[in-house]
Amino acid sequence: AYKDHLGCFYHVDRVSDAVLTKDGWFYTLQNEELLMKHHPEIADCTIVGIPGVEGKQEPVVFVRLINDEGPDAEEYLEKLNATLHAKGRPLLSKLQWVWENDVPVGITGKVLKQALRQRLNETISC
């Protein structure tokens, strides 16, 4: 959270979901909302951090499109990063396409980001 010059407070993310990148803090919730606002073809997206170099992390985005048909992942990653760059935000390192039941959710429907981080870490370790 932060407080602006008028004394208003803003919630940007949960501490456990914030990603410390080589370019600074990347707030996943804030950036998920930004991407969905500027890319109406996105049905849902989730961002998590994975271990990077020198103790920093790299943000990875899981994207589900409305029509389930996406362009090349690298091409679409560039498009999303252009949106982030325009807002002065750190960039995403990877994109993975997902479908409706690919992302684990809890009983309340909240995405289980810890399970996604674990899945990515297992893939990286192999």
N, C-alpha and C. Protein backbone atom coordinates (compact mmCIF):
# COMPACT_ATOMS: atom_id res chain seq x y z
N ALA A 1 0.85 -1.18 0.00
CA ALA A 1 0.00 0.00 0.00
C ALA A 1 0.89 1.23 0.00
N TYR A 2 0.31 2.32 -0.45
CA TYR A 2 1.03 3.58 -0.36
C TYR A 2 0.05 4.71 -0.10
N LYS A 3 0.60 5.83 0.36
CA LYS A 3 -0.18 7.01 0.67
C LYS A 3 0.25 8.12 -0.29
N ASP A 4 -0.71 8.76 -0.97
CA ASP A 4 -0.36 9.82 -1.92
C ASP A 4 -0.23 11.17 -1.22
N HIS A 5 0.05 12.21 -1.98
CA HIS A 5 0.28 13.55 -1.45
C HIS A 5 -0.97 14.16 -0.81
N LEU A 6 -2.14 13.61 -1.12
CA LEU A 6 -3.39 14.10 -0.51
C LEU A 6 -3.77 13.34 0.76
N GLY A 7 -2.96 12.33 1.09
CA GLY A 7 -3.25 11.53 2.28
C GLY A 7 -4.13 10.33 2.02
N CYS A 8 -4.41 10.03 0.74
CA CYS A 8 -5.23 8.87 0.38
C CYS A 8 -4.34 7.62 0.33
N PHE A 9 -4.88 6.51 0.80
CA PHE A 9 -4.15 5.25 0.77
C PHE A 9 -4.61 4.41 -0.40
N TYR A 10 -3.68 3.65 -1.00
CA TYR A 10 -3.97 2.78 -2.13
C TYR A 10 -3.38 1.40 -1.87
N HIS A 11 -4.21 0.38 -2.05
CA HIS A 11 -3.76 -1.00 -1.92
C HIS A 11 -3.27 -1.47 -3.28
N VAL A 12 -2.00 -1.87 -3.39
CA VAL A 12 -1.47 -2.29 -4.68
C VAL A 12 -1.25 -3.80 -4.78
N ASP A 13 -1.07 -4.47 -3.66
CA ASP A 13 -0.85 -5.92 -3.73
C ASP A 13 -0.69 -6.49 -2.33
N ARG A 14 -0.74 -7.82 -2.26
CA ARG A 14 -0.39 -8.53 -1.05
C ARG A 14 1.12 -8.65 -1.02
N VAL A 15 1.71 -8.60 0.16
CA VAL A 15 3.17 -8.70 0.28
C VAL A 15 3.68 -9.98 -0.37
N SER A 16 2.99 -11.09 -0.18
CA SER A 16 3.45 -12.37 -0.72
C SER A 16 3.37 -12.43 -2.24
N ASP A 17 2.59 -11.55 -2.87
CA ASP A 17 2.44 -11.58 -4.32
C ASP A 17 3.28 -10.52 -5.04
N ALA A 18 3.86 -9.58 -4.30
CA ALA A 18 4.72 -8.56 -4.91
C ALA A 18 6.03 -9.22 -5.36
N VAL A 19 6.51 -8.82 -6.51
CA VAL A 19 7.70 -9.43 -7.12
C VAL A 19 8.81 -8.39 -7.19
N LEU A 20 9.94 -8.68 -6.55
CA LEU A 20 11.09 -7.77 -6.61
C LEU A 20 11.95 -8.14 -7.81
N THR A 21 11.86 -7.34 -8.88
CA THR A 21 12.60 -7.61 -10.11
C THR A 21 13.88 -6.80 -10.11
N LYS A 22 14.72 -7.03 -11.12
CA LYS A 22 15.96 -6.24 -11.26
C LYS A 22 15.64 -4.77 -11.53
N ASP A 23 14.41 -4.47 -11.97
CA ASP A 23 14.00 -3.10 -12.28
C ASP A 23 13.09 -2.49 -11.22
N GLY A 24 12.95 -3.16 -10.09
CA GLY A 24 12.11 -2.63 -9.00
C GLY A 24 10.92 -3.52 -8.71
N TRP A 25 10.05 -3.03 -7.85
CA TRP A 25 8.89 -3.80 -7.43
C TRP A 25 7.85 -3.89 -8.55
N PHE A 26 7.33 -5.11 -8.72
CA PHE A 26 6.29 -5.40 -9.69
C PHE A 26 5.10 -5.90 -8.88
N TYR A 27 4.03 -5.11 -8.84
CA TYR A 27 2.85 -5.48 -8.07
C TYR A 27 1.88 -6.24 -8.97
N THR A 28 1.73 -7.52 -8.68
CA THR A 28 0.99 -8.40 -9.59
C THR A 28 -0.47 -7.99 -9.75
N LEU A 29 -1.16 -7.72 -8.68
CA LEU A 29 -2.57 -7.35 -8.76
C LEU A 29 -2.76 -6.09 -9.59
N GLN A 30 -1.97 -5.09 -9.31
CA GLN A 30 -2.05 -3.82 -10.02
C GLN A 30 -1.80 -4.01 -11.53
N ASN A 31 -0.84 -4.85 -11.88
CA ASN A 31 -0.51 -5.05 -13.29
C ASN A 31 -1.47 -6.00 -13.99
N GLU A 32 -2.04 -6.96 -13.27
CA GLU A 32 -3.09 -7.80 -13.86
C GLU A 32 -4.27 -6.92 -14.27
N GLU A 33 -4.66 -6.02 -13.38
CA GLU A 33 -5.77 -5.11 -13.69
C GLU A 33 -5.44 -4.21 -14.87
N LEU A 34 -4.21 -3.69 -14.92
CA LEU A 34 -3.79 -2.83 -16.02
C LEU A 34 -3.86 -3.57 -17.35
N LEU A 35 -3.34 -4.79 -17.39
CA LEU A 35 -3.34 -5.56 -18.64
C LEU A 35 -4.75 -5.88 -19.09
N MET A 36 -5.62 -6.26 -18.15
CA MET A 36 -6.99 -6.59 -18.53
C MET A 36 -7.76 -5.35 -18.99
N LYS A 37 -7.44 -4.20 -18.43
CA LYS A 37 -8.09 -2.95 -18.84
C LYS A 37 -7.70 -2.58 -20.27
N HIS A 38 -6.43 -2.76 -20.62
CA HIS A 38 -5.93 -2.32 -21.92
C HIS A 38 -5.98 -3.40 -23.01
N HIS A 39 -6.30 -4.62 -22.63
CA HIS A 39 -6.36 -5.73 -23.59
C HIS A 39 -7.66 -6.48 -23.37
N PRO A 40 -8.75 -5.99 -23.94
CA PRO A 40 -10.07 -6.59 -23.69
C PRO A 40 -10.22 -8.03 -24.18
N GLU A 41 -9.29 -8.51 -24.98
CA GLU A 41 -9.33 -9.90 -25.42
C GLU A 41 -8.93 -10.87 -24.31
N ILE A 42 -8.40 -10.35 -23.20
CA ILE A 42 -8.00 -11.20 -22.07
C ILE A 42 -9.22 -11.50 -21.21
N ALA A 43 -9.51 -12.78 -21.05
CA ALA A 43 -10.59 -13.20 -20.15
C ALA A 43 -10.11 -13.17 -18.71
N ASP A 44 -8.86 -13.55 -18.49
CA ASP A 44 -8.27 -13.54 -17.15
C ASP A 44 -6.77 -13.65 -17.28
N CYS A 45 -6.06 -13.13 -16.29
CA CYS A 45 -4.61 -13.31 -16.26
C CYS A 45 -4.16 -13.31 -14.81
N THR A 46 -3.06 -13.99 -14.59
CA THR A 46 -2.47 -14.10 -13.26
C THR A 46 -0.96 -13.98 -13.42
N ILE A 47 -0.34 -13.20 -12.55
CA ILE A 47 1.10 -13.01 -12.60
C ILE A 47 1.72 -13.51 -11.30
N VAL A 48 2.81 -14.27 -11.43
CA VAL A 48 3.58 -14.73 -10.28
C VAL A 48 5.06 -14.50 -10.55
N GLY A 49 5.84 -14.47 -9.48
CA GLY A 49 7.28 -14.31 -9.61
C GLY A 49 7.99 -15.64 -9.46
N ILE A 50 9.04 -15.81 -10.26
CA ILE A 50 9.88 -17.00 -10.14
C ILE A 50 11.31 -16.53 -9.88
N PRO A 51 12.15 -17.39 -9.30
CA PRO A 51 13.53 -16.98 -9.02
C PRO A 51 14.25 -16.55 -10.29
N GLY A 52 14.97 -15.44 -10.18
CA GLY A 52 15.77 -14.92 -11.28
C GLY A 52 17.23 -14.89 -10.87
N VAL A 53 17.97 -13.95 -11.39
CA VAL A 53 19.39 -13.83 -11.09
C VAL A 53 19.63 -12.84 -9.96
N GLU A 54 20.73 -13.04 -9.26
CA GLU A 54 21.17 -12.15 -8.19
C GLU A 54 20.10 -11.91 -7.12
N GLY A 55 19.34 -12.95 -6.79
CA GLY A 55 18.34 -12.84 -5.74
C GLY A 55 17.07 -12.11 -6.12
N LYS A 56 16.96 -11.70 -7.35
CA LYS A 56 15.75 -11.02 -7.82
C LYS A 56 14.79 -12.05 -8.39
N GLN A 57 13.60 -11.59 -8.79
CA GLN A 57 12.60 -12.48 -9.37
C GLN A 57 12.23 -12.00 -10.77
N GLU A 58 11.60 -12.90 -11.51
CA GLU A 58 11.10 -12.59 -12.84
C GLU A 58 9.60 -12.83 -12.85
N PRO A 59 8.81 -11.84 -13.30
CA PRO A 59 7.36 -12.02 -13.36
C PRO A 59 6.95 -12.83 -14.59
N VAL A 60 6.09 -13.82 -14.34
CA VAL A 60 5.54 -14.67 -15.39
C VAL A 60 4.03 -14.47 -15.41
N VAL A 61 3.46 -14.29 -16.60
CA VAL A 61 2.01 -14.09 -16.70
C VAL A 61 1.37 -15.32 -17.34
N PHE A 62 0.27 -15.74 -16.73
CA PHE A 62 -0.59 -16.80 -17.28
C PHE A 62 -1.79 -16.08 -17.87
N VAL A 63 -2.04 -16.28 -19.15
CA VAL A 63 -3.11 -15.54 -19.84
C VAL A 63 -4.12 -16.52 -20.44
N ARG A 64 -5.41 -16.21 -20.17
CA ARG A 64 -6.51 -16.92 -20.82
C ARG A 64 -7.26 -15.90 -21.64
N LEU A 65 -7.33 -16.14 -22.93
CA LEU A 65 -8.04 -15.23 -23.83
C LEU A 65 -9.51 -15.61 -23.92
N ILE A 66 -10.33 -14.65 -24.27
CA ILE A 66 -11.77 -14.88 -24.40
C ILE A 66 -12.06 -15.94 -25.45
N ASN A 67 -11.36 -15.87 -26.58
CA ASN A 67 -11.65 -16.82 -27.66
C ASN A 67 -10.74 -18.05 -27.66
N ASP A 68 -9.88 -18.19 -26.65
CA ASP A 68 -8.96 -19.34 -26.52
C ASP A 68 -8.00 -19.50 -27.69
N GLU A 69 -7.93 -18.53 -28.57
CA GLU A 69 -7.01 -18.58 -29.70
C GLU A 69 -6.04 -17.41 -29.58
N GLY A 70 -4.79 -17.70 -29.29
CA GLY A 70 -3.84 -16.62 -29.13
C GLY A 70 -2.76 -16.63 -30.18
N PRO A 71 -2.14 -15.50 -30.39
CA PRO A 71 -1.00 -15.43 -31.31
C PRO A 71 0.21 -16.11 -30.68
N ASP A 72 1.32 -16.01 -31.32
CA ASP A 72 2.57 -16.51 -30.78
C ASP A 72 2.79 -15.90 -29.39
N ALA A 73 3.20 -16.70 -28.42
CA ALA A 73 3.36 -16.23 -27.04
C ALA A 73 4.39 -15.11 -26.94
N GLU A 74 5.49 -15.22 -27.66
CA GLU A 74 6.52 -14.18 -27.61
C GLU A 74 6.00 -12.86 -28.19
N GLU A 75 5.24 -12.96 -29.26
CA GLU A 75 4.65 -11.77 -29.89
C GLU A 75 3.67 -11.09 -28.94
N TYR A 76 2.85 -11.88 -28.27
CA TYR A 76 1.86 -11.32 -27.35
C TYR A 76 2.54 -10.76 -26.09
N LEU A 77 3.61 -11.41 -25.65
CA LEU A 77 4.38 -10.91 -24.51
C LEU A 77 4.91 -9.51 -24.81
N GLU A 78 5.40 -9.31 -26.01
CA GLU A 78 5.89 -7.98 -26.42
C GLU A 78 4.76 -6.94 -26.35
N LYS A 79 3.58 -7.33 -26.76
CA LYS A 79 2.41 -6.43 -26.73
C LYS A 79 2.07 -6.05 -25.29
N LEU A 80 2.06 -7.04 -24.40
CA LEU A 80 1.76 -6.76 -22.99
C LEU A 80 2.85 -5.89 -22.37
N ASN A 81 4.11 -6.20 -22.69
CA ASN A 81 5.21 -5.41 -22.14
C ASN A 81 5.20 -3.97 -22.63
N ALA A 82 4.71 -3.74 -23.84
CA ALA A 82 4.59 -2.37 -24.34
C ALA A 82 3.62 -1.58 -23.46
N THR A 83 2.55 -2.22 -23.03
CA THR A 83 1.58 -1.57 -22.14
C THR A 83 2.23 -1.26 -20.80
N LEU A 84 2.96 -2.21 -20.25
CA LEU A 84 3.64 -1.99 -18.96
C LEU A 84 4.70 -0.90 -19.08
N HIS A 85 5.47 -0.95 -20.16
CA HIS A 85 6.54 0.04 -20.37
C HIS A 85 5.96 1.45 -20.44
N ALA A 86 4.82 1.60 -21.11
CA ALA A 86 4.18 2.91 -21.24
C ALA A 86 3.78 3.49 -19.88
N LYS A 87 3.57 2.63 -18.91
CA LYS A 87 3.21 3.07 -17.56
C LYS A 87 4.42 3.11 -16.62
N GLY A 88 5.61 2.83 -17.16
CA GLY A 88 6.82 2.87 -16.35
C GLY A 88 6.96 1.72 -15.38
N ARG A 89 6.37 0.59 -15.73
CA ARG A 89 6.39 -0.59 -14.85
C ARG A 89 7.47 -1.58 -15.32
N PRO A 90 7.99 -2.40 -14.40
CA PRO A 90 8.90 -3.47 -14.83
C PRO A 90 8.18 -4.40 -15.82
N LEU A 91 8.97 -5.10 -16.62
CA LEU A 91 8.40 -5.93 -17.68
C LEU A 91 8.26 -7.38 -17.25
N LEU A 92 7.37 -8.09 -17.94
CA LEU A 92 7.18 -9.52 -17.75
C LEU A 92 8.32 -10.27 -18.43
N SER A 93 8.69 -11.42 -17.87
CA SER A 93 9.77 -12.20 -18.49
C SER A 93 9.24 -13.34 -19.35
N LYS A 94 8.07 -13.88 -19.01
CA LYS A 94 7.52 -15.02 -19.75
C LYS A 94 6.01 -14.93 -19.77
N LEU A 95 5.42 -15.60 -20.77
CA LEU A 95 3.97 -15.72 -20.89
C LEU A 95 3.63 -17.17 -21.14
N GLN A 96 2.61 -17.65 -20.44
CA GLN A 96 2.10 -18.99 -20.69
C GLN A 96 0.61 -18.88 -20.95
N TRP A 97 0.17 -19.49 -22.06
CA TRP A 97 -1.26 -19.56 -22.34
C TRP A 97 -1.89 -20.58 -21.41
N VAL A 98 -3.08 -20.26 -20.91
CA VAL A 98 -3.83 -21.20 -20.08
C VAL A 98 -5.28 -21.23 -20.56
N TRP A 99 -5.95 -22.29 -20.17
CA TRP A 99 -7.36 -22.44 -20.49
C TRP A 99 -8.14 -22.45 -19.19
N GLU A 100 -9.43 -22.45 -19.26
CA GLU A 100 -10.30 -22.18 -18.12
C GLU A 100 -9.94 -22.96 -16.85
N ASN A 101 -9.64 -24.22 -16.95
CA ASN A 101 -9.39 -25.01 -15.74
C ASN A 101 -7.91 -25.25 -15.45
N ASP A 102 -7.03 -24.51 -16.11
CA ASP A 102 -5.59 -24.68 -15.91
C ASP A 102 -5.06 -24.00 -14.66
N VAL A 103 -5.74 -22.99 -14.18
CA VAL A 103 -5.24 -22.21 -13.06
C VAL A 103 -5.95 -22.68 -11.79
N PRO A 104 -5.17 -23.10 -10.78
CA PRO A 104 -5.78 -23.59 -9.54
C PRO A 104 -6.43 -22.45 -8.75
N VAL A 105 -7.64 -22.71 -8.28
CA VAL A 105 -8.36 -21.74 -7.46
C VAL A 105 -8.83 -22.41 -6.18
N GLY A 106 -8.99 -21.60 -5.14
CA GLY A 106 -9.50 -22.09 -3.86
C GLY A 106 -11.01 -22.14 -3.86
N ILE A 107 -11.55 -22.47 -2.74
CA ILE A 107 -13.00 -22.63 -2.60
C ILE A 107 -13.75 -21.32 -2.86
N THR A 108 -13.10 -20.18 -2.63
CA THR A 108 -13.74 -18.88 -2.86
C THR A 108 -13.55 -18.39 -4.29
N GLY A 109 -12.80 -19.14 -5.10
CA GLY A 109 -12.54 -18.74 -6.48
C GLY A 109 -11.28 -17.93 -6.66
N LYS A 110 -10.56 -17.67 -5.56
CA LYS A 110 -9.31 -16.91 -5.63
C LYS A 110 -8.20 -17.79 -6.19
N VAL A 111 -7.41 -17.22 -7.09
CA VAL A 111 -6.29 -17.95 -7.69
C VAL A 111 -5.28 -18.30 -6.60
N LEU A 112 -4.83 -19.55 -6.61
CA LEU A 112 -3.82 -20.00 -5.66
C LEU A 112 -2.44 -19.79 -6.26
N LYS A 113 -1.92 -18.57 -6.07
CA LYS A 113 -0.65 -18.20 -6.69
C LYS A 113 0.51 -19.05 -6.17
N GLN A 114 0.45 -19.46 -4.90
CA GLN A 114 1.51 -20.31 -4.37
C GLN A 114 1.58 -21.63 -5.15
N ALA A 115 0.45 -22.19 -5.52
CA ALA A 115 0.43 -23.42 -6.31
C ALA A 115 1.02 -23.18 -7.70
N LEU A 116 0.75 -22.02 -8.30
CA LEU A 116 1.33 -21.69 -9.60
C LEU A 116 2.84 -21.52 -9.49
N ARG A 117 3.30 -20.83 -8.43
CA ARG A 117 4.75 -20.67 -8.23
C ARG A 117 5.43 -22.02 -8.07
N GLN A 118 4.80 -22.90 -7.31
CA GLN A 118 5.36 -24.23 -7.11
C GLN A 118 5.42 -25.00 -8.43
N ARG A 119 4.36 -24.92 -9.24
CA ARG A 119 4.33 -25.59 -10.54
C ARG A 119 5.47 -25.08 -11.43
N LEU A 120 5.67 -23.76 -11.46
CA LEU A 120 6.74 -23.19 -12.27
C LEU A 120 8.12 -23.61 -11.76
N ASN A 121 8.30 -23.60 -10.45
CA ASN A 121 9.58 -23.99 -9.88
C ASN A 121 9.91 -25.45 -10.17
N GLU A 122 8.90 -26.31 -10.16
CA GLU A 122 9.12 -27.72 -10.51
C GLU A 122 9.53 -27.87 -11.97
N THR A 123 8.92 -27.06 -12.85
CA THR A 123 9.26 -27.10 -14.28
C THR A 123 10.68 -26.61 -14.50
N ILE A 124 11.08 -25.57 -13.78
CA ILE A 124 12.42 -25.01 -13.92
C ILE A 124 13.48 -25.99 -13.41
N SER A 125 13.17 -26.71 -12.33
CA SER A 125 14.12 -27.63 -11.71
C SER A 125 14.40 -28.86 -12.57
N CYS A 126 13.49 -29.21 -13.46
CA CYS A 126 13.63 -30.43 -14.26
C CYS A 126 14.70 -30.28 -15.32
